[in-house]
Amino acid sequence: MAEIHKLSEAEIRTRVSAMQGWELVAGKLQKTFTFSSFVHAFGFISSVALLAEAMNHHPDWSNVYSRVTIALNTHDVGGISDLDFTLAKKIDELVP
């Protein structure tokens, strides 16, 4: 496995600008997803959990009824890494 390193502020800003709906909030890559119901939101959370576990890279998140907010950073490097962008891309692919 390649070594994981913290990305520079410039790298992060460039990559975030190319992503739809993701933004930098308090040093984390964050996006809020809205679904038609709590059940759909919870199903999404379950799918993200399986992705995160497979990558051994776990997000911070909150769920209020049909809204799920996900915040990503790499605790081991004290910031945002390639892992966060990889997981964000995979998360986006779960939403039709």
C-alpha atoms as a PDB file:
ATOM      1  CA  MET A   1       0.000   0.000   0.000  1.00  0.00           C
ATOM      2  CA  ALA A   2       1.268   3.459  -0.904  1.00  0.00           C
ATOM      3  CA  GLU A   3       2.078   5.860   1.890  1.00  0.00           C
ATOM      4  CA  ILE A   4      -0.720   8.291   2.663  1.00  0.00           C
ATOM      5  CA  HIS A   5       0.173  11.958   3.014  1.00  0.00           C
ATOM      6  CA  LYS A   6      -1.672  15.155   3.790  1.00  0.00           C
ATOM      7  CA  LEU A   7      -2.486  17.190   0.698  1.00  0.00           C
ATOM      8  CA  SER A   8      -1.527  20.846   0.476  1.00  0.00           C
ATOM      9  CA  GLU A   9      -4.189  23.554   0.697  1.00  0.00           C
ATOM     10  CA  ALA A  10      -3.673  24.310  -3.010  1.00  0.00           C
ATOM     11  CA  GLU A  11      -4.101  20.643  -3.999  1.00  0.00           C
ATOM     12  CA  ILE A  12      -7.259  20.379  -1.924  1.00  0.00           C
ATOM     13  CA  ARG A  13      -8.828  23.567  -3.305  1.00  0.00           C
ATOM     14  CA  THR A  14      -8.100  22.542  -6.900  1.00  0.00           C
ATOM     15  CA  ARG A  15      -9.646  19.105  -6.421  1.00  0.00           C
ATOM     16  CA  VAL A  16     -12.673  20.357  -4.497  1.00  0.00           C
ATOM     17  CA  SER A  17     -13.465  22.879  -7.238  1.00  0.00           C
ATOM     18  CA  ALA A  18     -13.860  19.986  -9.688  1.00  0.00           C
ATOM     19  CA  MET A  19     -16.352  18.124  -7.462  1.00  0.00           C
ATOM     20  CA  GLN A  20     -20.069  18.741  -7.411  1.00  0.00           C
ATOM     21  CA  GLY A  21     -21.509  19.613  -4.007  1.00  0.00           C
ATOM     22  CA  TRP A  22     -18.392  18.972  -1.919  1.00  0.00           C
ATOM     23  CA  GLU A  23     -16.859  21.845   0.008  1.00  0.00           C
ATOM     24  CA  LEU A  24     -14.229  22.522   2.645  1.00  0.00           C
ATOM     25  CA  VAL A  25     -15.742  22.970   6.097  1.00  0.00           C
ATOM     26  CA  ALA A  26     -13.580  23.170   9.223  1.00  0.00           C
ATOM     27  CA  GLY A  27     -10.685  21.334   7.575  1.00  0.00           C
ATOM     28  CA  LYS A  28     -12.840  18.527   6.210  1.00  0.00           C
ATOM     29  CA  LEU A  29     -14.269  17.606   2.841  1.00  0.00           C
ATOM     30  CA  GLN A  30     -18.044  17.842   3.360  1.00  0.00           C
ATOM     31  CA  LYS A  31     -21.275  17.273   1.451  1.00  0.00           C
ATOM     32  CA  THR A  32     -24.942  17.026   2.398  1.00  0.00           C
ATOM     33  CA  PHE A  33     -27.195  14.558   0.593  1.00  0.00           C
ATOM     34  CA  THR A  34     -30.995  14.819   0.671  1.00  0.00           C
ATOM     35  CA  PHE A  35     -33.267  11.845   0.028  1.00  0.00           C
ATOM     36  CA  SER A  36     -37.021  11.343  -0.290  1.00  0.00           C
ATOM     37  CA  SER A  37     -37.355   9.661   3.102  1.00  0.00           C
ATOM     38  CA  PHE A  38     -35.574   8.509   6.221  1.00  0.00           C
ATOM     39  CA  VAL A  39     -35.509   4.939   4.885  1.00  0.00           C
ATOM     40  CA  HIS A  40     -33.705   6.030   1.702  1.00  0.00           C
ATOM     41  CA  ALA A  41     -31.240   8.110   3.730  1.00  0.00           C
ATOM     42  CA  PHE A  42     -30.564   5.181   6.050  1.00  0.00           C
ATOM     43  CA  GLY A  43     -30.057   2.847   3.075  1.00  0.00           C
ATOM     44  CA  PHE A  44     -27.485   5.297   1.720  1.00  0.00           C
ATOM     45  CA  ILE A  45     -25.732   5.396   5.097  1.00  0.00           C
ATOM     46  CA  SER A  46     -25.556   1.599   5.095  1.00  0.00           C
ATOM     47  CA  SER A  47     -24.043   1.565   1.603  1.00  0.00           C
ATOM     48  CA  VAL A  48     -21.471   4.191   2.575  1.00  0.00           C
ATOM     49  CA  ALA A  49     -20.618   2.184   5.690  1.00  0.00           C
ATOM     50  CA  LEU A  50     -19.785  -0.859   3.556  1.00  0.00           C
ATOM     51  CA  LEU A  51     -17.555   1.243   1.266  1.00  0.00           C
ATOM     52  CA  ALA A  52     -15.828   2.877   4.216  1.00  0.00           C
ATOM     53  CA  GLU A  53     -15.192  -0.434   5.939  1.00  0.00           C
ATOM     54  CA  ALA A  54     -13.763  -1.956   2.751  1.00  0.00           C
ATOM     55  CA  MET A  55     -11.367   1.015   2.482  1.00  0.00           C
ATOM     56  CA  ASN A  56     -10.711   1.085   6.253  1.00  0.00           C
ATOM     57  CA  HIS A  57     -11.447   4.801   6.021  1.00  0.00           C
ATOM     58  CA  HIS A  58     -14.405   5.954   8.073  1.00  0.00           C
ATOM     59  CA  PRO A  59     -16.299   9.251   7.694  1.00  0.00           C
ATOM     60  CA  ASP A  60     -17.832  11.551  10.246  1.00  0.00           C
ATOM     61  CA  TRP A  61     -21.514  11.947   9.496  1.00  0.00           C
ATOM     62  CA  SER A  62     -24.875  13.026  10.753  1.00  0.00           C
ATOM     63  CA  ASN A  63     -28.392  12.106   9.743  1.00  0.00           C
ATOM     64  CA  VAL A  64     -31.523  14.161  10.286  1.00  0.00           C
ATOM     65  CA  TYR A  65     -34.544  12.469   8.740  1.00  0.00           C
ATOM     66  CA  SER A  66     -33.874  12.563   4.980  1.00  0.00           C
ATOM     67  CA  ARG A  67     -30.551  14.481   5.124  1.00  0.00           C
ATOM     68  CA  VAL A  68     -27.128  12.915   5.510  1.00  0.00           C
ATOM     69  CA  THR A  69     -24.055  15.104   5.968  1.00  0.00           C
ATOM     70  CA  ILE A  70     -20.701  13.435   5.442  1.00  0.00           C
ATOM     71  CA  ALA A  71     -17.353  14.955   6.455  1.00  0.00           C
ATOM     72  CA  LEU A  72     -14.086  13.349   5.399  1.00  0.00           C
ATOM     73  CA  ASN A  73     -10.529  13.769   6.583  1.00  0.00           C
ATOM     74  CA  THR A  74      -7.662  11.421   7.296  1.00  0.00           C
ATOM     75  CA  HIS A  75      -7.035  11.395  11.024  1.00  0.00           C
ATOM     76  CA  ASP A  76      -3.680   9.605  10.597  1.00  0.00           C
ATOM     77  CA  VAL A  77      -2.202  12.535   8.636  1.00  0.00           C
ATOM     78  CA  GLY A  78      -4.079  15.340  10.369  1.00  0.00           C
ATOM     79  CA  GLY A  79      -5.829  16.608   7.260  1.00  0.00           C
ATOM     80  CA  ILE A  80      -7.234  15.697   3.885  1.00  0.00           C
ATOM     81  CA  SER A  81      -5.544  13.008   1.793  1.00  0.00           C
ATOM     82  CA  ASP A  82      -6.136  11.111  -1.464  1.00  0.00           C
ATOM     83  CA  LEU A  83      -8.196   8.625   0.560  1.00  0.00           C
ATOM     84  CA  ASP A  84     -10.785  11.301   1.241  1.00  0.00           C
ATOM     85  CA  PHE A  85     -11.177  12.170  -2.426  1.00  0.00           C
ATOM     86  CA  THR A  86     -11.337   8.494  -3.396  1.00  0.00           C
ATOM     87  CA  LEU A  87     -14.062   7.821  -0.830  1.00  0.00           C
ATOM     88  CA  ALA A  88     -15.956  10.990  -1.847  1.00  0.00           C
ATOM     89  CA  LYS A  89     -15.983   9.842  -5.476  1.00  0.00           C
ATOM     90  CA  LYS A  90     -17.249   6.391  -4.480  1.00  0.00           C
ATOM     91  CA  ILE A  91     -19.922   7.955  -2.282  1.00  0.00           C
ATOM     92  CA  ASP A  92     -21.112  10.138  -5.186  1.00  0.00           C
ATOM     93  CA  GLU A  93     -21.379   7.029  -7.368  1.00  0.00           C
ATOM     94  CA  LEU A  94     -23.924   5.562  -4.911  1.00  0.00           C
ATOM     95  CA  VAL A  95     -26.415   8.354  -5.615  1.00  0.00           C
ATOM     96  CA  PRO A  96     -28.464   7.942  -8.822  1.00  0.00           C
END
